[in-house]
Amino acid sequence: MDLWVIWLVAAFLFGLGEIHARGLVLAPLAVGALAATGAALAGVGATLSVLIFLALSLVVLRALRPLALHQQRLPMALRTGPAALVGRRALVVERIANDEGVGSVTIDGELWTARGFDDGAVIGAGEVVDVVAIRGATAVVMP
């Protein structure tokens, strides 16, 4: 089997491994293997293609690894849509009584239908509550 084919298969396997690892550890090896593939196709010997593989892999690893570590330390993406409302404070504008099917709150100036987290609880208008869940277009709240 030709040397360039071996390097190409190695590059493919390193790339496939990086997809599963997600740490930018194997990607530099894939880049180095691709460079070694090109070198082997150009006719350089096995020793020189191994040296090219090692050198380029180390250079790319030293360049990309700090970026990957920095990305891992960043906080998770911010929640958006209704999920972003969970944990917020809301003002009760209409008395909340689950048994009667009434209740509404304002969350960041938007009017939402509301139900109490505890079925038997009645929450009066003007009270400040915490949003514990969003179910469809209804905010589930508790005092």
N, C-alpha and C. Protein backbone atom coordinates (compact mmCIF):
# COMPACT_ATOMS: atom_id res chain seq x y z
N MET A 1 0.85 -1.17 0.00
CA MET A 1 0.00 0.00 0.00
C MET A 1 0.89 1.23 0.00
N ASP A 2 0.52 2.23 -0.78
CA ASP A 2 1.31 3.45 -0.86
C ASP A 2 1.26 4.23 0.44
N LEU A 3 2.33 4.95 0.72
CA LEU A 3 2.45 5.72 1.94
C LEU A 3 1.38 6.82 2.03
N TRP A 4 1.08 7.46 0.92
CA TRP A 4 0.10 8.56 0.93
C TRP A 4 -1.29 8.06 1.31
N VAL A 5 -1.62 6.81 0.93
CA VAL A 5 -2.92 6.25 1.28
C VAL A 5 -3.01 6.03 2.79
N ILE A 6 -1.92 5.58 3.38
CA ILE A 6 -1.89 5.37 4.82
C ILE A 6 -2.08 6.70 5.55
N TRP A 7 -1.40 7.74 5.09
CA TRP A 7 -1.56 9.06 5.70
C TRP A 7 -2.98 9.60 5.52
N LEU A 8 -3.56 9.36 4.37
CA LEU A 8 -4.92 9.83 4.10
C LEU A 8 -5.93 9.12 5.02
N VAL A 9 -5.76 7.82 5.19
CA VAL A 9 -6.63 7.07 6.10
C VAL A 9 -6.44 7.56 7.53
N ALA A 10 -5.19 7.83 7.92
CA ALA A 10 -4.92 8.35 9.26
C ALA A 10 -5.59 9.70 9.46
N ALA A 11 -5.50 10.58 8.45
CA ALA A 11 -6.15 11.89 8.55
C ALA A 11 -7.65 11.74 8.71
N PHE A 12 -8.24 10.83 7.95
CA PHE A 12 -9.68 10.58 8.05
C PHE A 12 -10.04 10.08 9.45
N LEU A 13 -9.27 9.13 9.97
CA LEU A 13 -9.57 8.58 11.29
C LEU A 13 -9.38 9.62 12.40
N PHE A 14 -8.33 10.45 12.29
CA PHE A 14 -8.15 11.52 13.26
C PHE A 14 -9.31 12.51 13.19
N GLY A 15 -9.74 12.86 11.99
CA GLY A 15 -10.87 13.77 11.84
C GLY A 15 -12.15 13.19 12.41
N LEU A 16 -12.38 11.91 12.16
CA LEU A 16 -13.56 11.24 12.70
C LEU A 16 -13.49 11.18 14.23
N GLY A 17 -12.32 10.93 14.75
CA GLY A 17 -12.15 10.91 16.20
C GLY A 17 -12.38 12.28 16.82
N GLU A 18 -11.99 13.34 16.12
CA GLU A 18 -12.20 14.69 16.63
C GLU A 18 -13.68 15.04 16.73
N ILE A 19 -14.45 14.53 15.81
CA ILE A 19 -15.90 14.77 15.85
C ILE A 19 -16.48 14.24 17.15
N HIS A 20 -15.97 13.12 17.60
CA HIS A 20 -16.48 12.52 18.83
C HIS A 20 -15.80 13.08 20.08
N ALA A 21 -14.54 13.48 19.98
CA ALA A 21 -13.80 13.98 21.15
C ALA A 21 -14.15 15.43 21.47
N ARG A 22 -14.27 16.27 20.49
CA ARG A 22 -14.62 17.68 20.63
C ARG A 22 -13.71 18.43 21.59
N GLY A 23 -12.44 18.20 21.49
CA GLY A 23 -11.53 18.91 22.37
C GLY A 23 -10.38 19.53 21.63
N LEU A 24 -10.41 19.50 20.32
CA LEU A 24 -9.32 19.97 19.46
C LEU A 24 -7.99 19.32 19.83
N VAL A 25 -8.03 18.02 20.04
CA VAL A 25 -6.81 17.26 20.28
C VAL A 25 -6.45 16.48 19.03
N LEU A 26 -7.44 15.89 18.40
CA LEU A 26 -7.17 15.06 17.22
C LEU A 26 -7.18 15.85 15.93
N ALA A 27 -7.82 17.03 15.91
CA ALA A 27 -7.85 17.84 14.69
C ALA A 27 -6.45 18.24 14.23
N PRO A 28 -5.56 18.67 15.13
CA PRO A 28 -4.21 18.98 14.68
C PRO A 28 -3.49 17.76 14.09
N LEU A 29 -3.77 16.59 14.63
CA LEU A 29 -3.17 15.38 14.07
C LEU A 29 -3.72 15.11 12.67
N ALA A 30 -5.00 15.41 12.45
CA ALA A 30 -5.58 15.25 11.12
C ALA A 30 -4.93 16.21 10.13
N VAL A 31 -4.68 17.43 10.57
CA VAL A 31 -4.03 18.41 9.70
C VAL A 31 -2.61 17.94 9.37
N GLY A 32 -1.91 17.47 10.38
CA GLY A 32 -0.56 16.96 10.15
C GLY A 32 -0.55 15.77 9.21
N ALA A 33 -1.54 14.88 9.36
CA ALA A 33 -1.61 13.72 8.47
C ALA A 33 -1.93 14.13 7.04
N LEU A 34 -2.77 15.15 6.89
CA LEU A 34 -3.05 15.65 5.53
C LEU A 34 -1.80 16.24 4.89
N ALA A 35 -1.01 16.97 5.69
CA ALA A 35 0.24 17.51 5.16
C ALA A 35 1.21 16.39 4.80
N ALA A 36 1.25 15.35 5.62
CA ALA A 36 2.11 14.20 5.32
C ALA A 36 1.62 13.48 4.07
N THR A 37 0.30 13.47 3.85
CA THR A 37 -0.24 12.88 2.62
C THR A 37 0.29 13.62 1.41
N GLY A 38 0.24 14.95 1.47
CA GLY A 38 0.76 15.76 0.36
C GLY A 38 2.24 15.54 0.15
N ALA A 39 2.98 15.43 1.24
CA ALA A 39 4.43 15.20 1.13
C ALA A 39 4.71 13.84 0.52
N ALA A 40 3.95 12.83 0.94
CA ALA A 40 4.15 11.49 0.38
C ALA A 40 3.80 11.47 -1.10
N LEU A 41 2.77 12.20 -1.49
CA LEU A 41 2.42 12.28 -2.91
C LEU A 41 3.50 13.00 -3.71
N ALA A 42 4.19 13.94 -3.06
CA ALA A 42 5.28 14.65 -3.74
C ALA A 42 6.54 13.80 -3.87
N GLY A 43 6.55 12.67 -3.17
CA GLY A 43 7.66 11.75 -3.34
C GLY A 43 8.71 11.79 -2.25
N VAL A 44 8.47 12.50 -1.17
CA VAL A 44 9.46 12.48 -0.08
C VAL A 44 9.40 11.12 0.61
N GLY A 45 10.41 10.80 1.35
CA GLY A 45 10.49 9.50 2.00
C GLY A 45 9.60 9.43 3.23
N ALA A 46 9.53 8.23 3.79
CA ALA A 46 8.69 7.98 4.97
C ALA A 46 9.19 8.78 6.17
N THR A 47 10.49 8.88 6.33
CA THR A 47 11.04 9.59 7.47
C THR A 47 10.68 11.07 7.43
N LEU A 48 10.83 11.68 6.27
CA LEU A 48 10.51 13.10 6.14
C LEU A 48 9.01 13.34 6.30
N SER A 49 8.17 12.44 5.79
CA SER A 49 6.73 12.62 5.94
C SER A 49 6.31 12.49 7.41
N VAL A 50 6.97 11.63 8.17
CA VAL A 50 6.69 11.51 9.61
C VAL A 50 7.11 12.80 10.32
N LEU A 51 8.26 13.35 9.95
CA LEU A 51 8.72 14.60 10.56
C LEU A 51 7.77 15.75 10.23
N ILE A 52 7.27 15.81 9.00
CA ILE A 52 6.29 16.83 8.62
C ILE A 52 5.02 16.66 9.44
N PHE A 53 4.58 15.42 9.57
CA PHE A 53 3.38 15.14 10.37
C PHE A 53 3.55 15.63 11.81
N LEU A 54 4.66 15.27 12.44
CA LEU A 54 4.90 15.65 13.83
C LEU A 54 5.02 17.17 13.99
N ALA A 55 5.80 17.79 13.11
CA ALA A 55 6.03 19.24 13.23
C ALA A 55 4.74 20.03 13.04
N LEU A 56 4.00 19.74 11.99
CA LEU A 56 2.77 20.49 11.74
C LEU A 56 1.71 20.20 12.80
N SER A 57 1.64 18.96 13.25
CA SER A 57 0.68 18.63 14.30
C SER A 57 0.96 19.41 15.57
N LEU A 58 2.23 19.52 15.95
CA LEU A 58 2.60 20.28 17.15
C LEU A 58 2.30 21.77 16.99
N VAL A 59 2.60 22.32 15.83
CA VAL A 59 2.34 23.75 15.60
C VAL A 59 0.85 24.04 15.68
N VAL A 60 0.05 23.23 15.01
CA VAL A 60 -1.41 23.45 15.02
C VAL A 60 -1.97 23.20 16.41
N LEU A 61 -1.47 22.19 17.11
CA LEU A 61 -1.94 21.90 18.46
C LEU A 61 -1.64 23.07 19.40
N ARG A 62 -0.42 23.62 19.32
CA ARG A 62 -0.06 24.75 20.18
C ARG A 62 -0.86 26.00 19.83
N ALA A 63 -1.31 26.12 18.60
CA ALA A 63 -2.10 27.29 18.20
C ALA A 63 -3.57 27.15 18.57
N LEU A 64 -4.14 25.97 18.39
CA LEU A 64 -5.58 25.80 18.59
C LEU A 64 -6.00 25.35 19.98
N ARG A 65 -5.17 24.64 20.67
CA ARG A 65 -5.56 24.09 21.98
C ARG A 65 -5.93 25.18 22.99
N PRO A 66 -5.16 26.27 23.09
CA PRO A 66 -5.58 27.33 24.02
C PRO A 66 -6.96 27.91 23.67
N LEU A 67 -7.26 28.01 22.39
CA LEU A 67 -8.58 28.49 22.00
C LEU A 67 -9.68 27.54 22.45
N ALA A 68 -9.43 26.25 22.31
CA ALA A 68 -10.42 25.26 22.73
C ALA A 68 -10.63 25.30 24.24
N LEU A 69 -9.56 25.44 25.00
CA LEU A 69 -9.68 25.50 26.45
C LEU A 69 -10.43 26.76 26.88
N HIS A 70 -10.20 27.86 26.19
CA HIS A 70 -10.91 29.10 26.49
C HIS A 70 -12.40 28.95 26.22
N GLN A 71 -12.76 28.30 25.13
CA GLN A 71 -14.17 28.09 24.79
C GLN A 71 -14.85 27.21 25.82
N GLN A 72 -14.14 26.24 26.36
CA GLN A 72 -14.74 25.35 27.36
C GLN A 72 -15.02 26.07 28.66
N ARG A 73 -14.27 27.13 28.95
CA ARG A 73 -14.46 27.87 30.20
C ARG A 73 -15.58 28.90 30.10
N LEU A 74 -16.06 29.20 28.89
CA LEU A 74 -17.13 30.18 28.74
C LEU A 74 -18.43 29.62 29.29
N PRO A 75 -19.31 30.47 29.81
CA PRO A 75 -20.60 29.98 30.32
C PRO A 75 -21.45 29.44 29.19
N MET A 76 -22.40 28.59 29.57
CA MET A 76 -23.31 28.03 28.58
C MET A 76 -24.08 29.15 27.91
N ALA A 77 -24.58 28.87 26.71
CA ALA A 77 -25.34 29.86 25.96
C ALA A 77 -26.56 30.32 26.77
N LEU A 78 -26.89 31.55 26.58
CA LEU A 78 -28.03 32.10 27.29
C LEU A 78 -29.32 31.45 26.81
N ARG A 79 -30.24 31.26 27.74
CA ARG A 79 -31.53 30.72 27.37
C ARG A 79 -32.31 31.79 26.63
N THR A 80 -33.11 31.38 25.66
CA THR A 80 -33.92 32.32 24.90
C THR A 80 -35.36 31.85 24.88
N GLY A 81 -36.25 32.71 24.44
CA GLY A 81 -37.66 32.36 24.34
C GLY A 81 -38.28 32.20 25.72
N PRO A 82 -39.34 31.42 25.80
CA PRO A 82 -40.02 31.24 27.09
C PRO A 82 -39.13 30.64 28.17
N ALA A 83 -38.16 29.82 27.79
CA ALA A 83 -37.26 29.22 28.79
C ALA A 83 -36.46 30.28 29.53
N ALA A 84 -36.24 31.43 28.91
CA ALA A 84 -35.48 32.49 29.56
C ALA A 84 -36.28 33.15 30.69
N LEU A 85 -37.58 32.93 30.71
CA LEU A 85 -38.42 33.54 31.75
C LEU A 85 -38.39 32.77 33.06
N VAL A 86 -38.00 31.52 33.02
CA VAL A 86 -37.95 30.71 34.24
C VAL A 86 -36.90 31.30 35.18
N GLY A 87 -37.32 31.51 36.43
CA GLY A 87 -36.44 32.12 37.41
C GLY A 87 -36.64 33.62 37.55
N ARG A 88 -37.40 34.23 36.68
CA ARG A 88 -37.66 35.66 36.74
C ARG A 88 -38.73 35.97 37.77
N ARG A 89 -38.83 37.22 38.14
CA ARG A 89 -39.88 37.70 39.04
C ARG A 89 -41.02 38.21 38.18
N ALA A 90 -42.24 38.07 38.68
CA ALA A 90 -43.43 38.52 37.96
C ALA A 90 -44.36 39.22 38.93
N LEU A 91 -45.17 40.11 38.40
CA LEU A 91 -46.15 40.83 39.20
C LEU A 91 -47.54 40.30 38.88
N VAL A 92 -48.27 39.88 39.89
CA VAL A 92 -49.62 39.36 39.70
C VAL A 92 -50.55 40.54 39.41
N VAL A 93 -51.22 40.51 38.25
CA VAL A 93 -52.15 41.58 37.90
C VAL A 93 -53.60 41.12 38.03
N GLU A 94 -53.83 39.83 38.03
CA GLU A 94 -55.15 39.27 38.28
C GLU A 94 -54.97 38.12 39.25
N ARG A 95 -55.79 38.08 40.27
CA ARG A 95 -55.70 37.04 41.30
C ARG A 95 -55.55 35.66 40.66
N ILE A 96 -54.62 34.86 41.21
CA ILE A 96 -54.36 33.52 40.68
C ILE A 96 -55.06 32.51 41.58
N ALA A 97 -55.98 31.76 40.98
CA ALA A 97 -56.69 30.69 41.68
C ALA A 97 -56.86 29.54 40.69
N ASN A 98 -56.10 28.49 40.86
CA ASN A 98 -56.14 27.36 39.92
C ASN A 98 -57.53 26.73 39.85
N ASP A 99 -58.21 26.64 41.00
CA ASP A 99 -59.54 26.01 41.02
C ASP A 99 -60.54 26.77 40.16
N GLU A 100 -60.38 28.09 40.07
CA GLU A 100 -61.31 28.91 39.30
C GLU A 100 -60.81 29.14 37.88
N GLY A 101 -59.57 28.77 37.59
CA GLY A 101 -59.01 28.95 36.25
C GLY A 101 -58.73 30.41 35.91
N VAL A 102 -58.39 31.21 36.92
CA VAL A 102 -58.09 32.62 36.67
C VAL A 102 -56.68 32.93 37.12
N GLY A 103 -56.16 34.01 36.56
CA GLY A 103 -54.86 34.48 36.99
C GLY A 103 -54.01 34.96 35.83
N SER A 104 -53.32 36.07 36.07
CA SER A 104 -52.38 36.56 35.07
C SER A 104 -51.29 37.36 35.77
N VAL A 105 -50.15 37.40 35.12
CA VAL A 105 -48.99 38.11 35.64
C VAL A 105 -48.34 38.90 34.52
N THR A 106 -47.52 39.87 34.90
CA THR A 106 -46.67 40.52 33.91
C THR A 106 -45.23 40.12 34.20
N ILE A 107 -44.57 39.71 33.13
CA ILE A 107 -43.16 39.34 33.20
C ILE A 107 -42.43 40.24 32.22
N ASP A 108 -41.56 41.09 32.74
CA ASP A 108 -40.84 42.05 31.90
C ASP A 108 -41.80 42.85 31.01
N GLY A 109 -42.93 43.24 31.57
CA GLY A 109 -43.88 44.07 30.84
C GLY A 109 -44.84 43.31 29.93
N GLU A 110 -44.69 42.01 29.83
CA GLU A 110 -45.59 41.20 28.99
C GLU A 110 -46.62 40.51 29.87
N LEU A 111 -47.86 40.48 29.39
CA LEU A 111 -48.94 39.86 30.14
C LEU A 111 -48.99 38.37 29.82
N TRP A 112 -49.00 37.53 30.86
CA TRP A 112 -49.04 36.08 30.72
C TRP A 112 -50.17 35.52 31.57
N THR A 113 -50.84 34.50 31.03
CA THR A 113 -51.76 33.71 31.84
C THR A 113 -50.91 33.00 32.88
N ALA A 114 -51.44 32.89 34.11
CA ALA A 114 -50.63 32.29 35.17
C ALA A 114 -51.43 31.29 35.98
N ARG A 115 -50.74 30.28 36.46
CA ARG A 115 -51.31 29.30 37.38
C ARG A 115 -50.32 29.13 38.52
N GLY A 116 -50.84 28.83 39.69
CA GLY A 116 -49.99 28.63 40.85
C GLY A 116 -49.32 27.27 40.82
N PHE A 117 -48.13 27.19 41.37
CA PHE A 117 -47.41 25.92 41.45
C PHE A 117 -48.16 24.97 42.38
N ASP A 118 -48.65 25.50 43.49
CA ASP A 118 -49.46 24.71 44.42
C ASP A 118 -50.92 24.88 44.01
N ASP A 119 -51.60 23.76 43.76
CA ASP A 119 -52.97 23.82 43.25
C ASP A 119 -53.93 24.57 44.16
N GLY A 120 -53.82 24.42 45.45
CA GLY A 120 -54.78 25.03 46.36
C GLY A 120 -54.46 26.47 46.73
N ALA A 121 -53.30 26.97 46.35
CA ALA A 121 -52.88 28.31 46.75
C ALA A 121 -53.63 29.38 45.95
N VAL A 122 -53.96 30.46 46.61
CA VAL A 122 -54.55 31.63 45.96
C VAL A 122 -53.57 32.78 46.18
N ILE A 123 -53.19 33.44 45.08
CA ILE A 123 -52.21 34.52 45.14
C ILE A 123 -52.92 35.80 44.72
N GLY A 124 -52.89 36.79 45.56
CA GLY A 124 -53.61 38.03 45.31
C GLY A 124 -52.91 38.95 44.33
N ALA A 125 -53.70 39.82 43.72
CA ALA A 125 -53.17 40.82 42.78
C ALA A 125 -52.20 41.73 43.52
N GLY A 126 -51.15 42.14 42.85
CA GLY A 126 -50.15 43.02 43.43
C GLY A 126 -48.98 42.30 44.06
N GLU A 127 -49.09 40.98 44.25
CA GLU A 127 -47.98 40.23 44.84
C GLU A 127 -46.89 39.96 43.79
N VAL A 128 -45.67 39.85 44.27
CA VAL A 128 -44.54 39.49 43.40
C VAL A 128 -44.29 38.00 43.57
N VAL A 129 -44.17 37.30 42.44
CA VAL A 129 -43.99 35.85 42.45
C VAL A 129 -42.78 35.48 41.60
N ASP A 130 -42.34 34.24 41.75
CA ASP A 130 -41.25 33.69 40.93
C ASP A 130 -41.82 32.77 39.88
N VAL A 131 -41.31 32.87 38.66
CA VAL A 131 -41.73 31.98 37.58
C VAL A 131 -40.91 30.69 37.71
N VAL A 132 -41.60 29.57 37.88
CA VAL A 132 -40.90 28.30 38.05
C VAL A 132 -40.96 27.43 36.80
N ALA A 133 -41.90 27.73 35.90
CA ALA A 133 -41.99 26.97 34.65
C ALA A 133 -42.87 27.73 33.68
N ILE A 134 -42.71 27.39 32.41
CA ILE A 134 -43.60 27.90 31.36
C ILE A 134 -44.18 26.68 30.68
N ARG A 135 -45.50 26.60 30.68
CA ARG A 135 -46.19 25.48 30.02
C ARG A 135 -47.09 26.07 28.94
N GLY A 136 -46.62 25.97 27.71
CA GLY A 136 -47.36 26.57 26.61
C GLY A 136 -47.28 28.08 26.75
N ALA A 137 -48.46 28.72 26.88
CA ALA A 137 -48.52 30.17 27.06
C ALA A 137 -48.89 30.53 28.50
N THR A 138 -48.65 29.61 29.41
CA THR A 138 -49.01 29.84 30.82
C THR A 138 -47.76 29.79 31.70
N ALA A 139 -47.64 30.80 32.54
CA ALA A 139 -46.53 30.83 33.49
C ALA A 139 -46.96 30.14 34.77
N VAL A 140 -46.16 29.23 35.25
CA VAL A 140 -46.40 28.57 36.52
C VAL A 140 -45.56 29.31 37.55
N VAL A 141 -46.25 29.84 38.58
CA VAL A 141 -45.58 30.72 39.54
C VAL A 141 -45.77 30.24 40.96
N MET A 142 -44.90 30.76 41.83
CA MET A 142 -45.07 30.52 43.26
C MET A 142 -44.60 31.76 44.02
N PRO A 143 -45.23 32.02 45.15
CA PRO A 143 -44.86 33.23 45.93
C PRO A 143 -43.45 33.12 46.50
